[in-house]
């Protein structure tokens, strides 16, 4: 007869998961996809400011990608 215990001592057939544990696991997986906020140095901040001021003065549009921890959020203003 085959043993039902694995190396870690759990039954091989005990693969049921509670809904609360599944939700917590899915939330943890989602948090792992989270991206860090980009660090902009002073030159990059200055360049962005110049482009925005120039766009405002010329009444032209600018394509931007706003920070979002999970996906890129493009806008055109």
Protein backbone atom coordinates (compact mmCIF):
# COMPACT_ATOMS: atom_id res chain seq x y z
CA UNK A 1 0.00 0.00 0.00
CA UNK A 2 1.29 3.43 -0.97
CA UNK A 3 1.94 5.96 1.79
CA UNK A 4 -0.25 9.05 1.74
CA UNK A 5 2.32 11.16 3.53
CA UNK A 6 4.77 13.28 1.60
CA UNK A 7 8.18 14.45 2.77
CA UNK A 8 6.64 17.40 4.62
CA UNK A 9 4.11 15.21 6.47
CA UNK A 10 0.97 16.47 4.70
CA UNK A 11 -1.54 14.20 3.11
CA UNK A 12 -1.13 14.06 -0.62
CA UNK A 13 -4.88 14.51 -1.16
CA UNK A 14 -5.30 17.53 1.13
CA UNK A 15 -5.31 20.22 -1.52
CA UNK A 16 -8.46 22.06 -0.48
CA UNK A 17 -8.06 25.79 0.18
CA UNK A 18 -10.38 28.04 2.13
CA UNK A 19 -11.86 31.02 0.27
CA UNK A 20 -10.24 33.47 2.72
CA UNK A 21 -6.83 31.94 2.10
CA UNK A 22 -7.35 32.04 -1.67
CA UNK A 23 -8.28 35.74 -1.52
CA UNK A 24 -5.24 36.52 0.64
CA UNK A 25 -3.00 34.56 -1.73
CA UNK A 26 -4.39 36.41 -4.78
CA UNK A 27 -3.92 39.77 -3.01
CA UNK A 28 -0.33 38.84 -2.23
CA UNK A 29 0.29 37.89 -5.87
CA UNK A 30 -1.15 41.24 -6.95
CA UNK A 31 1.12 43.11 -4.52
CA UNK A 32 4.16 41.34 -5.99
CA UNK A 33 3.29 42.82 -9.40
CA UNK A 34 3.45 46.31 -7.90
CA UNK A 35 6.11 48.54 -9.46
CA UNK A 36 8.20 51.01 -7.54
CA UNK A 37 7.88 54.75 -8.08
CA UNK A 38 10.58 56.01 -10.47
CA UNK A 39 13.24 58.29 -9.05
CA UNK A 40 13.74 61.42 -11.13
CA UNK A 41 16.88 63.47 -10.75
CA UNK A 42 16.91 67.27 -10.91
CA UNK A 43 17.76 67.38 -14.62
CA UNK A 44 14.81 65.17 -15.53
CA UNK A 45 12.47 67.23 -13.35
CA UNK A 46 13.76 70.44 -15.00
CA UNK A 47 13.27 68.96 -18.49
CA UNK A 48 9.71 67.89 -17.71
CA UNK A 49 8.94 71.36 -16.33
CA UNK A 50 10.34 73.01 -19.47
CA UNK A 51 8.27 70.80 -21.75
CA UNK A 52 5.10 71.52 -19.77
CA UNK A 53 5.70 75.28 -19.74
CA UNK A 54 6.48 75.25 -23.47
CA UNK A 55 3.32 73.25 -24.15
CA UNK A 56 1.26 75.69 -22.11
CA UNK A 57 2.72 78.74 -23.88
CA UNK A 58 2.15 77.25 -27.33
CA UNK A 59 -1.23 75.71 -26.47
CA UNK A 60 0.01 72.37 -27.76
CA UNK A 61 -0.63 68.88 -26.45
CA UNK A 62 1.79 66.76 -24.47
CA UNK A 63 1.68 62.97 -24.17
CA UNK A 64 2.43 61.83 -20.63
CA UNK A 65 2.60 58.52 -18.81
CA UNK A 66 1.45 58.97 -15.22
CA UNK A 67 2.82 56.75 -12.48
CA UNK A 68 0.60 53.89 -11.44
CA UNK A 69 2.02 51.00 -9.41
CA UNK A 70 0.30 48.34 -11.55
CA UNK A 71 0.10 49.61 -15.13
CA UNK A 72 1.10 52.48 -17.40
CA UNK A 73 -1.45 55.28 -17.49
CA UNK A 74 -1.00 57.36 -20.66
CA UNK A 75 -2.76 60.71 -21.01
CA UNK A 76 -2.68 63.44 -23.63
CA UNK A 77 -3.23 66.98 -22.44
